[in-house]
Amino acid sequence: MTGFGDMIYERGIQQGMQQGMQQGIQQGRHEGMILGALMSGKTPEEVSKMLNLPLEEIKKVQEQQMTVNK
């Protein structure tokens, strides 16, 4: 690659990494809120409505937590 091509490539890699980290942080926040609500005794359906998230996402986090706690 040329110097200019290398620069564009590196910039793309950096932007991709930043976006990935931001998505990971956002996902972590959701998981924390989901787990907190579930641990307070809410049902997955209640958590889904409360957080305006798909029920499948709530159940996925719940299943992951059950696997970790085994």
PDB file of N, CA and C in Angstrom:
ATOM      1  N   MET A   1       0.844  -1.195   0.000  1.00  0.00           N
ATOM      2  CA  MET A   1       0.000   0.000   0.000  1.00  0.00           C
ATOM      3  C   MET A   1       0.877   1.243   0.000  1.00  0.00           C
ATOM      4  N   THR A   2       0.272   2.331  -0.398  1.00  0.00           N
ATOM      5  CA  THR A   2       0.978   3.603  -0.367  1.00  0.00           C
ATOM      6  C   THR A   2       0.828   4.210   1.015  1.00  0.00           C
ATOM      7  N   GLY A   3       1.548   5.266   1.278  1.00  0.00           N
ATOM      8  CA  GLY A   3       1.430   5.949   2.559  1.00  0.00           C
ATOM      9  C   GLY A   3       0.012   6.425   2.812  1.00  0.00           C
ATOM     10  N   PHE A   4      -0.637   6.956   1.759  1.00  0.00           N
ATOM     11  CA  PHE A   4      -2.007   7.449   1.903  1.00  0.00           C
ATOM     12  C   PHE A   4      -2.967   6.285   2.163  1.00  0.00           C
ATOM     13  N   GLY A   5      -2.763   5.180   1.434  1.00  0.00           N
ATOM     14  CA  GLY A   5      -3.604   4.001   1.625  1.00  0.00           C
ATOM     15  C   GLY A   5      -3.459   3.433   3.030  1.00  0.00           C
ATOM     16  N   ASP A   6      -2.223   3.405   3.516  1.00  0.00           N
ATOM     17  CA  ASP A   6      -1.973   2.925   4.879  1.00  0.00           C
ATOM     18  C   ASP A   6      -2.693   3.794   5.900  1.00  0.00           C
ATOM     19  N   MET A   7      -2.661   5.101   5.670  1.00  0.00           N
ATOM     20  CA  MET A   7      -3.299   6.037   6.598  1.00  0.00           C
ATOM     21  C   MET A   7      -4.820   5.799   6.640  1.00  0.00           C
ATOM     22  N   ILE A   8      -5.411   5.633   5.467  1.00  0.00           N
ATOM     23  CA  ILE A   8      -6.855   5.395   5.403  1.00  0.00           C
ATOM     24  C   ILE A   8      -7.191   4.066   6.068  1.00  0.00           C
ATOM     25  N   TYR A   9      -6.395   3.052   5.822  1.00  0.00           N
ATOM     26  CA  TYR A   9      -6.605   1.739   6.428  1.00  0.00           C
ATOM     27  C   TYR A   9      -6.546   1.833   7.949  1.00  0.00           C
ATOM     28  N   GLU A  10      -5.530   2.486   8.479  1.00  0.00           N
ATOM     29  CA  GLU A  10      -5.377   2.636   9.933  1.00  0.00           C
ATOM     30  C   GLU A  10      -6.539   3.410  10.534  1.00  0.00           C
ATOM     31  N   ARG A  11      -6.985   4.440   9.849  1.00  0.00           N
ATOM     32  CA  ARG A  11      -8.118   5.239  10.333  1.00  0.00           C
ATOM     33  C   ARG A  11      -9.375   4.364  10.403  1.00  0.00           C
ATOM     34  N   GLY A  12      -9.582   3.530   9.394  1.00  0.00           N
ATOM     35  CA  GLY A  12     -10.733   2.624   9.390  1.00  0.00           C
ATOM     36  C   GLY A  12     -10.668   1.628  10.532  1.00  0.00           C
ATOM     37  N   ILE A  13      -9.483   1.099  10.788  1.00  0.00           N
ATOM     38  CA  ILE A  13      -9.310   0.157  11.893  1.00  0.00           C
ATOM     39  C   ILE A  13      -9.631   0.843  13.217  1.00  0.00           C
ATOM     40  N   GLN A  14      -9.130   2.051  13.418  1.00  0.00           N
ATOM     41  CA  GLN A  14      -9.379   2.779  14.666  1.00  0.00           C
ATOM     42  C   GLN A  14     -10.864   3.062  14.851  1.00  0.00           C
ATOM     43  N   GLN A  15     -11.533   3.484  13.781  1.00  0.00           N
ATOM     44  CA  GLN A  15     -12.959   3.770  13.884  1.00  0.00           C
ATOM     45  C   GLN A  15     -13.744   2.501  14.211  1.00  0.00           C
ATOM     46  N   GLY A  16     -13.376   1.394  13.599  1.00  0.00           N
ATOM     47  CA  GLY A  16     -14.046   0.123  13.884  1.00  0.00           C
ATOM     48  C   GLY A  16     -13.862  -0.299  15.327  1.00  0.00           C
ATOM     49  N   MET A  17     -12.662  -0.119  15.841  1.00  0.00           N
ATOM     50  CA  MET A  17     -12.397  -0.475  17.235  1.00  0.00           C
ATOM     51  C   MET A  17     -13.205   0.396  18.185  1.00  0.00           C
ATOM     52  N   GLN A  18     -13.276   1.685  17.904  1.00  0.00           N
ATOM     53  CA  GLN A  18     -14.036   2.592  18.759  1.00  0.00           C
ATOM     54  C   GLN A  18     -15.521   2.225  18.760  1.00  0.00           C
ATOM     55  N   GLN A  19     -16.056   1.939  17.584  1.00  0.00           N
ATOM     56  CA  GLN A  19     -17.467   1.562  17.508  1.00  0.00           C
ATOM     57  C   GLN A  19     -17.719   0.264  18.263  1.00  0.00           C
ATOM     58  N   GLY A  20     -16.827  -0.687  18.125  1.00  0.00           N
ATOM     59  CA  GLY A  20     -16.972  -1.952  18.835  1.00  0.00           C
ATOM     60  C   GLY A  20     -16.944  -1.772  20.336  1.00  0.00           C
ATOM     61  N   MET A  21     -16.039  -0.922  20.821  1.00  0.00           N
ATOM     62  CA  MET A  21     -15.961  -0.674  22.261  1.00  0.00           C
ATOM     63  C   MET A  21     -17.223   0.000  22.762  1.00  0.00           C
ATOM     64  N   GLN A  22     -17.740   0.964  22.013  1.00  0.00           N
ATOM     65  CA  GLN A  22     -18.956   1.654  22.431  1.00  0.00           C
ATOM     66  C   GLN A  22     -20.138   0.691  22.478  1.00  0.00           C
ATOM     67  N   GLN A  23     -20.228  -0.206  21.500  1.00  0.00           N
ATOM     68  CA  GLN A  23     -21.307  -1.189  21.508  1.00  0.00           C
ATOM     69  C   GLN A  23     -21.165  -2.126  22.702  1.00  0.00           C
ATOM     70  N   GLY A  24     -19.942  -2.500  23.019  1.00  0.00           N
ATOM     71  CA  GLY A  24     -19.704  -3.362  24.172  1.00  0.00           C
ATOM     72  C   GLY A  24     -20.096  -2.693  25.469  1.00  0.00           C
ATOM     73  N   ILE A  25     -19.778  -1.423  25.596  1.00  0.00           N
ATOM     74  CA  ILE A  25     -20.150  -0.670  26.795  1.00  0.00           C
ATOM     75  C   ILE A  25     -21.662  -0.587  26.902  1.00  0.00           C
ATOM     76  N   GLN A  26     -22.313  -0.286  25.790  1.00  0.00           N
ATOM     77  CA  GLN A  26     -23.771  -0.185  25.789  1.00  0.00           C
ATOM     78  C   GLN A  26     -24.393  -1.525  26.154  1.00  0.00           C
ATOM     79  N   GLN A  27     -23.863  -2.606  25.580  1.00  0.00           N
ATOM     80  CA  GLN A  27     -24.384  -3.936  25.896  1.00  0.00           C
ATOM     81  C   GLN A  27     -24.197  -4.247  27.378  1.00  0.00           C
ATOM     82  N   GLY A  28     -23.046  -3.874  27.928  1.00  0.00           N
ATOM     83  CA  GLY A  28     -22.783  -4.101  29.341  1.00  0.00           C
ATOM     84  C   GLY A  28     -23.760  -3.367  30.232  1.00  0.00           C
ATOM     85  N   ARG A  29     -24.130  -2.169  29.846  1.00  0.00           N
ATOM     86  CA  ARG A  29     -25.122  -1.411  30.618  1.00  0.00           C
ATOM     87  C   ARG A  29     -26.454  -2.124  30.607  1.00  0.00           C
ATOM     88  N   HIS A  30     -26.855  -2.588  29.415  1.00  0.00           N
ATOM     89  CA  HIS A  30     -28.128  -3.303  29.320  1.00  0.00           C
ATOM     90  C   HIS A  30     -28.107  -4.536  30.203  1.00  0.00           C
ATOM     91  N   GLU A  31     -27.025  -5.294  30.141  1.00  0.00           N
ATOM     92  CA  GLU A  31     -26.948  -6.516  30.931  1.00  0.00           C
ATOM     93  C   GLU A  31     -27.034  -6.209  32.419  1.00  0.00           C
ATOM     94  N   GLY A  32     -26.374  -5.155  32.851  1.00  0.00           N
ATOM     95  CA  GLY A  32     -26.420  -4.778  34.259  1.00  0.00           C
ATOM     96  C   GLY A  32     -27.821  -4.391  34.696  1.00  0.00           C
ATOM     97  N   MET A  33     -28.509  -3.634  33.867  1.00  0.00           N
ATOM     98  CA  MET A  33     -29.875  -3.233  34.205  1.00  0.00           C
ATOM     99  C   MET A  33     -30.803  -4.441  34.208  1.00  0.00           C
ATOM    100  N   ILE A  34     -30.622  -5.328  33.225  1.00  0.00           N
ATOM    101  CA  ILE A  34     -31.456  -6.522  33.141  1.00  0.00           C
ATOM    102  C   ILE A  34     -31.251  -7.389  34.378  1.00  0.00           C
ATOM    103  N   LEU A  35     -30.007  -7.657  34.714  1.00  0.00           N
ATOM    104  CA  LEU A  35     -29.721  -8.499  35.878  1.00  0.00           C
ATOM    105  C   LEU A  35     -30.248  -7.881  37.166  1.00  0.00           C
ATOM    106  N   GLY A  36     -30.086  -6.581  37.311  1.00  0.00           N
ATOM    107  CA  GLY A  36     -30.587  -5.903  38.505  1.00  0.00           C
ATOM    108  C   GLY A  36     -32.089  -6.039  38.642  1.00  0.00           C
ATOM    109  N   ALA A  37     -32.789  -5.870  37.529  1.00  0.00           N
ATOM    110  CA  ALA A  37     -34.250  -5.991  37.567  1.00  0.00           C
ATOM    111  C   ALA A  37     -34.670  -7.429  37.847  1.00  0.00           C
ATOM    112  N   LEU A  38     -34.001  -8.388  37.225  1.00  0.00           N
ATOM    113  CA  LEU A  38     -34.339  -9.793  37.469  1.00  0.00           C
ATOM    114  C   LEU A  38     -34.064 -10.179  38.911  1.00  0.00           C
ATOM    115  N   MET A  39     -32.956  -9.696  39.448  1.00  0.00           N
ATOM    116  CA  MET A  39     -32.599 -10.032  40.829  1.00  0.00           C
ATOM    117  C   MET A  39     -33.546  -9.388  41.833  1.00  0.00           C
ATOM    118  N   SER A  40     -34.221  -8.321  41.431  1.00  0.00           N
ATOM    119  CA  SER A  40     -35.181  -7.683  42.330  1.00  0.00           C
ATOM    120  C   SER A  40     -36.527  -8.412  42.320  1.00  0.00           C
ATOM    121  N   GLY A  41     -36.618  -9.474  41.517  1.00  0.00           N
ATOM    122  CA  GLY A  41     -37.826 -10.278  41.519  1.00  0.00           C
ATOM    123  C   GLY A  41     -38.750 -10.059  40.336  1.00  0.00           C
ATOM    124  N   LYS A  42     -38.360  -9.213  39.418  1.00  0.00           N
ATOM    125  CA  LYS A  42     -39.195  -8.970  38.243  1.00  0.00           C
ATOM    126  C   LYS A  42     -39.117 -10.165  37.300  1.00  0.00           C
ATOM    127  N   THR A  43     -40.200 -10.415  36.573  1.00  0.00           N
ATOM    128  CA  THR A  43     -40.206 -11.480  35.569  1.00  0.00           C
ATOM    129  C   THR A  43     -39.528 -10.962  34.299  1.00  0.00           C
ATOM    130  N   PRO A  44     -39.071 -11.859  33.438  1.00  0.00           N
ATOM    131  CA  PRO A  44     -38.481 -11.402  32.171  1.00  0.00           C
ATOM    132  C   PRO A  44     -39.436 -10.517  31.361  1.00  0.00           C
ATOM    133  N   GLU A  45     -40.716 -10.834  31.403  1.00  0.00           N
ATOM    134  CA  GLU A  45     -41.703 -10.036  30.670  1.00  0.00           C
ATOM    135  C   GLU A  45     -41.786  -8.620  31.234  1.00  0.00           C
ATOM    136  N   GLU A  46     -41.774  -8.515  32.561  1.00  0.00           N
ATOM    137  CA  GLU A  46     -41.824  -7.195  33.209  1.00  0.00           C
ATOM    138  C   GLU A  46     -40.574  -6.384  32.881  1.00  0.00           C
ATOM    139  N   VAL A  47     -39.424  -7.060  32.903  1.00  0.00           N
ATOM    140  CA  VAL A  47     -38.159  -6.378  32.602  1.00  0.00           C
ATOM    141  C   VAL A  47     -38.164  -5.885  31.155  1.00  0.00           C
ATOM    142  N   SER A  48     -38.666  -6.717  30.256  1.00  0.00           N
ATOM    143  CA  SER A  48     -38.736  -6.347  28.844  1.00  0.00           C
ATOM    144  C   SER A  48     -39.560  -5.075  28.648  1.00  0.00           C
ATOM    145  N   LYS A  49     -40.709  -5.028  29.281  1.00  0.00           N
ATOM    146  CA  LYS A  49     -41.572  -3.842  29.173  1.00  0.00           C
ATOM    147  C   LYS A  49     -40.930  -2.635  29.848  1.00  0.00           C
ATOM    148  N   MET A  50     -40.359  -2.858  31.015  1.00  0.00           N
ATOM    149  CA  MET A  50     -39.787  -1.768  31.800  1.00  0.00           C
ATOM    150  C   MET A  50     -38.617  -1.107  31.065  1.00  0.00           C
ATOM    151  N   LEU A  51     -37.742  -1.937  30.458  1.00  0.00           N
ATOM    152  CA  LEU A  51     -36.541  -1.411  29.801  1.00  0.00           C
ATOM    153  C   LEU A  51     -36.723  -1.206  28.301  1.00  0.00           C
ATOM    154  N   ASN A  52     -37.901  -1.562  27.806  1.00  0.00           N
ATOM    155  CA  ASN A  52     -38.198  -1.434  26.378  1.00  0.00           C
ATOM    156  C   ASN A  52     -37.161  -2.182  25.537  1.00  0.00           C
ATOM    157  N   LEU A  53     -36.905  -3.426  25.948  1.00  0.00           N
ATOM    158  CA  LEU A  53     -35.962  -4.295  25.246  1.00  0.00           C
ATOM    159  C   LEU A  53     -36.690  -5.567  24.846  1.00  0.00           C
ATOM    160  N   PRO A  54     -36.221  -6.222  23.789  1.00  0.00           N
ATOM    161  CA  PRO A  54     -36.871  -7.466  23.368  1.00  0.00           C
ATOM    162  C   PRO A  54     -36.806  -8.543  24.453  1.00  0.00           C
ATOM    163  N   LEU A  55     -37.877  -9.305  24.592  1.00  0.00           N
ATOM    164  CA  LEU A  55     -37.946 -10.374  25.584  1.00  0.00           C
ATOM    165  C   LEU A  55     -36.825 -11.390  25.365  1.00  0.00           C
ATOM    166  N   GLU A  56     -36.480 -11.640  24.108  1.00  0.00           N
ATOM    167  CA  GLU A  56     -35.415 -12.589  23.801  1.00  0.00           C
ATOM    168  C   GLU A  56     -34.092 -12.153  24.417  1.00  0.00           C
ATOM    169  N   GLU A  57     -33.826 -10.846  24.406  1.00  0.00           N
ATOM    170  CA  GLU A  57     -32.584 -10.326  24.993  1.00  0.00           C
ATOM    171  C   GLU A  57     -32.574 -10.540  26.509  1.00  0.00           C
ATOM    172  N   ILE A  58     -33.705 -10.330  27.132  1.00  0.00           N
ATOM    173  CA  ILE A  58     -33.812 -10.515  28.581  1.00  0.00           C
ATOM    174  C   ILE A  58     -33.551 -11.983  28.931  1.00  0.00           C
ATOM    175  N   LYS A  59     -34.196 -12.879  28.196  1.00  0.00           N
ATOM    176  CA  LYS A  59     -34.042 -14.305  28.464  1.00  0.00           C
ATOM    177  C   LYS A  59     -32.611 -14.773  28.195  1.00  0.00           C
ATOM    178  N   LYS A  60     -31.979 -14.202  27.185  1.00  0.00           N
ATOM    179  CA  LYS A  60     -30.595 -14.560  26.873  1.00  0.00           C
ATOM    180  C   LYS A  60     -29.671 -14.187  28.036  1.00  0.00           C
ATOM    181  N   VAL A  61     -29.834 -12.987  28.567  1.00  0.00           N
ATOM    182  CA  VAL A  61     -29.018 -12.542  29.699  1.00  0.00           C
ATOM    183  C   VAL A  61     -29.304 -13.413  30.913  1.00  0.00           C
ATOM    184  N   GLN A  62     -30.567 -13.738  31.133  1.00  0.00           N
ATOM    185  CA  GLN A  62     -30.948 -14.587  32.261  1.00  0.00           C
ATOM    186  C   GLN A  62     -30.292 -15.965  32.147  1.00  0.00           C
ATOM    187  N   GLU A  63     -30.314 -16.548  30.956  1.00  0.00           N
ATOM    188  CA  GLU A  63     -29.709 -17.862  30.747  1.00  0.00           C
ATOM    189  C   GLU A  63     -28.190 -17.811  30.936  1.00  0.00           C
ATOM    190  N   GLN A  64     -27.566 -16.738  30.441  1.00  0.00           N
ATOM    191  CA  GLN A  64     -26.118 -16.589  30.608  1.00  0.00           C
ATOM    192  C   GLN A  64     -25.772 -16.511  32.081  1.00  0.00           C
ATOM    193  N   GLN A  65     -26.559 -15.795  32.845  1.00  0.00           N
ATOM    194  CA  GLN A  65     -26.289 -15.649  34.276  1.00  0.00           C
ATOM    195  C   GLN A  65     -26.472 -16.971  34.993  1.00  0.00           C
ATOM    196  N   MET A  66     -27.455 -17.738  34.593  1.00  0.00           N
ATOM    197  CA  MET A  66     -27.675 -19.043  35.214  1.00  0.00           C
ATOM    198  C   MET A  66     -26.501 -19.972  34.924  1.00  0.00           C
ATOM    199  N   THR A  67     -25.942 -19.888  33.723  1.00  0.00           N
ATOM    200  CA  THR A  67     -24.790 -20.706  33.347  1.00  0.00           C
ATOM    201  C   THR A  67     -23.562 -20.310  34.156  1.00  0.00           C
ATOM    202  N   VAL A  68     -23.374 -19.011  34.376  1.00  0.00           N
ATOM    203  CA  VAL A  68     -22.220 -18.515  35.135  1.00  0.00           C
ATOM    204  C   VAL A  68     -22.328 -18.955  36.594  1.00  0.00           C
ATOM    205  N   ASN A  69     -23.511 -18.969  37.143  1.00  0.00           N
ATOM    206  CA  ASN A  69     -23.707 -19.300  38.558  1.00  0.00           C
ATOM    207  C   ASN A  69     -23.664 -20.785  38.862  1.00  0.00           C
ATOM    208  N   LYS A  70     -23.569 -21.646  37.854  1.00  0.00           N
ATOM    209  CA  LYS A  70     -23.521 -23.096  38.104  1.00  0.00           C
ATOM    210  C   LYS A  70     -22.200 -23.509  38.663  1.00  0.00           C
TER     211      LYS A  70
END
